[in-house]
Amino acid sequence: MLCGEYTGSITFYEEEGPQYIWYTISIITNYPVALKTMNIESEIRKKHIQKIEVPYDGERENAYQVIINGVGLNGYSSISLKPGMLNIYQLEYVPLEVGEEKGSICFINP
């Protein structure tokens, strides 16, 4: 689930009878607080690869979905994290305009 507002309903039916009741639910989610913030600079239209160390304290290998937000940011859509290893994610940055852009990268365990 990405951040945003999600609305739905839950319906309960009686097994013997035409009655039912439903509840409308609304869930508001947000991205977690940033673990780390970094600045990436590059010449316009020149590719820069930023290697990001991804901490992982799990006991077994686990796959994560990667969500990237930001103009000029690109990378793989998933990463497999291994315990006891230095897990590195490579983020590609290619700015297309002069100026400061903000972006984010989030690792989600589906």
N, C-alpha and C. Protein backbone atom coordinates (compact mmCIF):
# COMPACT_ATOMS: atom_id res chain seq x y z
N MET A 1 0.85 -1.17 0.00
CA MET A 1 0.00 0.00 0.00
C MET A 1 0.89 1.23 0.00
N LEU A 2 0.62 2.14 -0.89
CA LEU A 2 1.35 3.39 -0.93
C LEU A 2 0.68 4.40 -0.02
N CYS A 3 1.32 5.55 0.16
CA CYS A 3 0.70 6.53 1.04
C CYS A 3 -0.49 7.17 0.33
N GLY A 4 -1.42 7.63 1.14
CA GLY A 4 -2.62 8.25 0.62
C GLY A 4 -3.82 7.86 1.46
N GLU A 5 -5.01 8.12 0.94
CA GLU A 5 -6.24 7.78 1.65
C GLU A 5 -6.97 6.69 0.89
N TYR A 6 -7.34 5.64 1.59
CA TYR A 6 -8.04 4.50 0.99
C TYR A 6 -9.37 4.33 1.71
N THR A 7 -10.45 4.16 0.94
CA THR A 7 -11.78 4.02 1.51
C THR A 7 -12.40 2.72 1.01
N GLY A 8 -13.10 2.05 1.88
CA GLY A 8 -13.77 0.80 1.51
C GLY A 8 -14.87 0.50 2.50
N SER A 9 -15.41 -0.70 2.42
CA SER A 9 -16.48 -1.08 3.36
C SER A 9 -16.34 -2.55 3.72
N ILE A 10 -16.88 -2.88 4.90
CA ILE A 10 -16.94 -4.25 5.38
C ILE A 10 -18.41 -4.55 5.63
N THR A 11 -18.88 -5.67 5.07
CA THR A 11 -20.30 -6.01 5.19
C THR A 11 -20.44 -7.35 5.92
N PHE A 12 -21.37 -7.41 6.88
CA PHE A 12 -21.69 -8.63 7.61
C PHE A 12 -23.12 -9.03 7.26
N TYR A 13 -23.30 -10.31 6.87
CA TYR A 13 -24.62 -10.83 6.51
C TYR A 13 -25.06 -11.84 7.55
N GLU A 14 -26.40 -11.90 7.79
CA GLU A 14 -26.97 -12.95 8.62
C GLU A 14 -27.11 -14.20 7.77
N GLU A 15 -26.80 -15.35 8.36
CA GLU A 15 -26.92 -16.59 7.59
C GLU A 15 -28.39 -16.91 7.28
N GLU A 16 -29.25 -16.64 8.24
CA GLU A 16 -30.67 -16.93 8.04
C GLU A 16 -31.47 -15.65 8.16
N GLY A 17 -31.61 -14.98 7.10
CA GLY A 17 -32.39 -13.75 7.12
C GLY A 17 -31.84 -12.73 6.13
N PRO A 18 -32.66 -11.77 5.81
CA PRO A 18 -32.25 -10.80 4.80
C PRO A 18 -31.47 -9.61 5.38
N GLN A 19 -31.18 -9.63 6.68
CA GLN A 19 -30.53 -8.47 7.28
C GLN A 19 -29.02 -8.50 7.09
N TYR A 20 -28.48 -7.32 6.97
CA TYR A 20 -27.03 -7.19 6.90
C TYR A 20 -26.65 -5.81 7.44
N ILE A 21 -25.40 -5.68 7.80
CA ILE A 21 -24.90 -4.41 8.32
C ILE A 21 -23.53 -4.16 7.68
N TRP A 22 -23.25 -2.91 7.39
CA TRP A 22 -21.95 -2.61 6.80
C TRP A 22 -21.32 -1.40 7.49
N TYR A 23 -20.02 -1.40 7.45
CA TYR A 23 -19.23 -0.30 8.02
C TYR A 23 -18.34 0.26 6.92
N THR A 24 -18.33 1.57 6.82
CA THR A 24 -17.43 2.23 5.90
C THR A 24 -16.14 2.53 6.65
N ILE A 25 -15.01 2.22 6.03
CA ILE A 25 -13.72 2.46 6.68
C ILE A 25 -12.87 3.36 5.78
N SER A 26 -12.02 4.12 6.42
CA SER A 26 -11.09 4.99 5.71
C SER A 26 -9.73 4.84 6.38
N ILE A 27 -8.70 4.57 5.56
CA ILE A 27 -7.35 4.40 6.07
C ILE A 27 -6.47 5.48 5.44
N ILE A 28 -5.78 6.22 6.29
CA ILE A 28 -4.86 7.25 5.81
C ILE A 28 -3.45 6.79 6.16
N THR A 29 -2.61 6.65 5.14
CA THR A 29 -1.24 6.17 5.36
C THR A 29 -0.24 7.20 4.88
N ASN A 30 0.97 7.09 5.40
CA ASN A 30 2.04 7.99 5.01
C ASN A 30 3.33 7.19 4.97
N TYR A 31 4.33 7.69 4.26
CA TYR A 31 5.63 7.03 4.23
C TYR A 31 6.26 7.11 5.61
N PRO A 32 7.09 6.16 5.97
CA PRO A 32 7.78 6.22 7.26
C PRO A 32 8.78 7.36 7.29
N VAL A 33 9.21 7.72 8.49
CA VAL A 33 10.22 8.77 8.65
C VAL A 33 11.50 8.32 7.97
N ALA A 34 12.19 9.24 7.31
CA ALA A 34 13.41 8.91 6.58
C ALA A 34 14.48 8.38 7.53
N LEU A 35 15.11 7.30 7.14
CA LEU A 35 16.22 6.73 7.89
C LEU A 35 17.48 7.55 7.67
N LYS A 36 17.61 8.08 6.46
CA LYS A 36 18.80 8.83 6.10
C LYS A 36 18.44 9.80 4.98
N THR A 37 19.08 10.97 4.97
CA THR A 37 18.91 11.95 3.92
C THR A 37 20.26 12.22 3.28
N MET A 38 20.28 12.31 1.96
CA MET A 38 21.55 12.58 1.27
C MET A 38 21.31 13.54 0.11
N ASN A 39 22.35 14.28 -0.23
CA ASN A 39 22.31 15.18 -1.38
C ASN A 39 23.06 14.53 -2.52
N ILE A 40 22.49 14.59 -3.71
CA ILE A 40 23.13 14.07 -4.91
C ILE A 40 23.21 15.22 -5.90
N GLU A 41 24.41 15.46 -6.41
CA GLU A 41 24.60 16.51 -7.40
C GLU A 41 25.22 15.92 -8.66
N SER A 42 24.82 16.48 -9.81
CA SER A 42 25.35 16.03 -11.08
C SER A 42 25.20 17.14 -12.10
N GLU A 43 26.03 17.10 -13.12
CA GLU A 43 25.86 18.03 -14.23
C GLU A 43 24.58 17.67 -14.96
N ILE A 44 23.97 18.67 -15.59
CA ILE A 44 22.72 18.43 -16.29
C ILE A 44 22.93 17.39 -17.38
N ARG A 45 22.01 16.45 -17.46
CA ARG A 45 22.00 15.35 -18.42
C ARG A 45 23.22 14.44 -18.32
N LYS A 46 23.87 14.44 -17.19
CA LYS A 46 25.00 13.53 -16.96
C LYS A 46 24.60 12.55 -15.86
N LYS A 47 24.69 11.26 -16.16
CA LYS A 47 24.25 10.24 -15.23
C LYS A 47 25.20 10.15 -14.03
N HIS A 48 24.60 10.05 -12.85
CA HIS A 48 25.35 9.85 -11.61
C HIS A 48 24.75 8.63 -10.92
N ILE A 49 25.60 7.68 -10.53
CA ILE A 49 25.15 6.50 -9.80
C ILE A 49 25.48 6.69 -8.32
N GLN A 50 24.45 6.64 -7.49
CA GLN A 50 24.63 6.77 -6.04
C GLN A 50 24.43 5.39 -5.42
N LYS A 51 25.45 4.90 -4.73
CA LYS A 51 25.34 3.62 -4.05
C LYS A 51 24.82 3.87 -2.64
N ILE A 52 23.74 3.19 -2.30
CA ILE A 52 23.08 3.38 -1.01
C ILE A 52 23.18 2.08 -0.22
N GLU A 53 23.76 2.17 0.97
CA GLU A 53 23.82 1.01 1.87
C GLU A 53 22.44 0.84 2.51
N VAL A 54 21.90 -0.36 2.43
CA VAL A 54 20.58 -0.65 2.98
C VAL A 54 20.76 -1.56 4.19
N PRO A 55 20.55 -1.05 5.40
CA PRO A 55 20.71 -1.89 6.59
C PRO A 55 19.63 -2.97 6.64
N TYR A 56 20.02 -4.14 7.11
CA TYR A 56 19.07 -5.24 7.21
C TYR A 56 19.49 -6.14 8.36
N ASP A 57 18.62 -6.30 9.34
CA ASP A 57 18.96 -7.11 10.50
C ASP A 57 18.11 -8.39 10.59
N GLY A 58 17.55 -8.78 9.47
CA GLY A 58 16.76 -10.01 9.43
C GLY A 58 17.62 -11.25 9.54
N GLU A 59 16.98 -12.38 9.72
CA GLU A 59 17.70 -13.64 9.89
C GLU A 59 17.80 -14.44 8.59
N ARG A 60 16.98 -14.10 7.60
CA ARG A 60 17.04 -14.81 6.32
C ARG A 60 16.85 -13.81 5.17
N GLU A 61 17.20 -14.25 3.98
CA GLU A 61 17.09 -13.38 2.80
C GLU A 61 15.64 -12.97 2.60
N ASN A 62 15.44 -11.72 2.20
CA ASN A 62 14.09 -11.19 2.05
C ASN A 62 14.05 -10.22 0.88
N ALA A 63 13.00 -10.28 0.06
CA ALA A 63 12.84 -9.38 -1.08
C ALA A 63 12.01 -8.17 -0.69
N TYR A 64 12.41 -7.00 -1.17
CA TYR A 64 11.71 -5.75 -0.91
C TYR A 64 11.37 -5.07 -2.23
N GLN A 65 10.20 -4.45 -2.26
CA GLN A 65 9.80 -3.63 -3.40
C GLN A 65 10.42 -2.25 -3.19
N VAL A 66 10.88 -1.62 -4.27
CA VAL A 66 11.50 -0.31 -4.19
C VAL A 66 10.59 0.70 -4.88
N ILE A 67 10.24 1.75 -4.16
CA ILE A 67 9.42 2.82 -4.72
C ILE A 67 10.27 4.08 -4.80
N ILE A 68 10.40 4.61 -6.00
CA ILE A 68 11.23 5.81 -6.24
C ILE A 68 10.31 6.95 -6.66
N ASN A 69 10.42 8.08 -5.98
CA ASN A 69 9.69 9.29 -6.34
C ASN A 69 10.69 10.39 -6.61
N GLY A 70 10.59 11.03 -7.75
CA GLY A 70 11.47 12.15 -8.05
C GLY A 70 11.85 12.19 -9.52
N VAL A 71 11.98 13.39 -10.03
CA VAL A 71 12.34 13.60 -11.42
C VAL A 71 13.82 13.24 -11.61
N GLY A 72 14.11 12.43 -12.61
CA GLY A 72 15.49 12.08 -12.92
C GLY A 72 16.04 10.92 -12.12
N LEU A 73 15.24 10.35 -11.19
CA LEU A 73 15.69 9.21 -10.38
C LEU A 73 15.22 7.91 -11.01
N ASN A 74 16.10 6.91 -11.01
CA ASN A 74 15.78 5.64 -11.63
C ASN A 74 16.53 4.53 -10.91
N GLY A 75 16.00 3.32 -10.93
CA GLY A 75 16.67 2.18 -10.32
C GLY A 75 15.81 0.95 -10.42
N TYR A 76 16.33 -0.18 -9.93
CA TYR A 76 15.57 -1.43 -9.96
C TYR A 76 14.34 -1.32 -9.08
N SER A 77 13.28 -2.05 -9.44
CA SER A 77 12.02 -1.98 -8.71
C SER A 77 11.97 -2.93 -7.52
N SER A 78 13.04 -3.72 -7.32
CA SER A 78 13.09 -4.61 -6.16
C SER A 78 14.54 -4.84 -5.77
N ILE A 79 14.73 -5.31 -4.53
CA ILE A 79 16.06 -5.64 -4.02
C ILE A 79 15.90 -6.83 -3.10
N SER A 80 16.88 -7.72 -3.14
CA SER A 80 16.90 -8.87 -2.25
C SER A 80 17.96 -8.60 -1.18
N LEU A 81 17.53 -8.52 0.08
CA LEU A 81 18.44 -8.21 1.18
C LEU A 81 18.86 -9.50 1.87
N LYS A 82 20.16 -9.61 2.12
CA LYS A 82 20.72 -10.82 2.72
C LYS A 82 21.29 -10.49 4.10
N PRO A 83 21.06 -11.36 5.07
CA PRO A 83 21.58 -11.12 6.42
C PRO A 83 23.10 -11.25 6.45
N GLY A 84 23.74 -10.43 7.28
CA GLY A 84 25.18 -10.50 7.46
C GLY A 84 25.99 -10.02 6.29
N MET A 85 25.36 -9.34 5.33
CA MET A 85 26.07 -8.85 4.15
C MET A 85 25.87 -7.34 4.03
N LEU A 86 26.76 -6.71 3.28
CA LEU A 86 26.61 -5.30 2.98
C LEU A 86 25.68 -5.20 1.77
N ASN A 87 24.44 -4.79 1.99
CA ASN A 87 23.45 -4.70 0.93
C ASN A 87 23.51 -3.30 0.31
N ILE A 88 23.74 -3.25 -0.99
CA ILE A 88 23.90 -1.99 -1.71
C ILE A 88 22.81 -1.87 -2.77
N TYR A 89 22.17 -0.70 -2.82
CA TYR A 89 21.21 -0.38 -3.88
C TYR A 89 21.80 0.74 -4.72
N GLN A 90 21.74 0.59 -6.04
CA GLN A 90 22.29 1.62 -6.92
C GLN A 90 21.16 2.47 -7.48
N LEU A 91 21.19 3.75 -7.14
CA LEU A 91 20.20 4.71 -7.61
C LEU A 91 20.83 5.56 -8.69
N GLU A 92 20.16 5.68 -9.81
CA GLU A 92 20.66 6.47 -10.93
C GLU A 92 19.98 7.84 -10.93
N TYR A 93 20.78 8.88 -11.10
CA TYR A 93 20.24 10.25 -11.15
C TYR A 93 20.71 10.92 -12.42
N VAL A 94 19.76 11.36 -13.24
CA VAL A 94 20.05 12.10 -14.46
C VAL A 94 19.17 13.34 -14.47
N PRO A 95 19.70 14.49 -14.01
CA PRO A 95 18.89 15.71 -14.00
C PRO A 95 18.68 16.24 -15.42
N LEU A 96 17.45 16.62 -15.71
CA LEU A 96 17.13 17.14 -17.04
C LEU A 96 16.97 18.65 -17.05
N GLU A 97 16.93 19.26 -15.87
CA GLU A 97 16.79 20.71 -15.77
C GLU A 97 17.74 21.23 -14.70
N VAL A 98 18.11 22.50 -14.81
CA VAL A 98 18.94 23.13 -13.80
C VAL A 98 18.04 23.47 -12.61
N GLY A 99 18.52 23.22 -11.41
CA GLY A 99 17.74 23.55 -10.21
C GLY A 99 17.76 22.40 -9.23
N GLU A 100 17.07 22.63 -8.14
CA GLU A 100 17.04 21.64 -7.06
C GLU A 100 15.75 20.85 -7.13
N GLU A 101 15.87 19.55 -7.14
CA GLU A 101 14.72 18.65 -7.12
C GLU A 101 14.78 17.81 -5.86
N LYS A 102 13.63 17.44 -5.34
CA LYS A 102 13.59 16.56 -4.18
C LYS A 102 12.98 15.24 -4.62
N GLY A 103 13.48 14.17 -4.03
CA GLY A 103 12.96 12.86 -4.35
C GLY A 103 13.07 11.96 -3.15
N SER A 104 12.55 10.76 -3.28
CA SER A 104 12.63 9.81 -2.18
C SER A 104 12.70 8.40 -2.74
N ILE A 105 13.23 7.52 -1.92
CA ILE A 105 13.29 6.10 -2.25
C ILE A 105 12.85 5.35 -0.99
N CYS A 106 11.98 4.37 -1.19
CA CYS A 106 11.40 3.64 -0.07
C CYS A 106 11.46 2.14 -0.35
N PHE A 107 11.90 1.36 0.63
CA PHE A 107 11.97 -0.09 0.51
C PHE A 107 10.81 -0.68 1.30
N ILE A 108 9.93 -1.43 0.62
CA ILE A 108 8.73 -1.95 1.24
C ILE A 108 8.73 -3.47 1.15
N ASN A 109 8.46 -4.11 2.27
CA ASN A 109 8.36 -5.57 2.30
C ASN A 109 6.91 -5.93 1.95
N PRO A 110 6.69 -6.46 0.74
CA PRO A 110 5.29 -6.74 0.31
C PRO A 110 4.64 -7.86 1.10
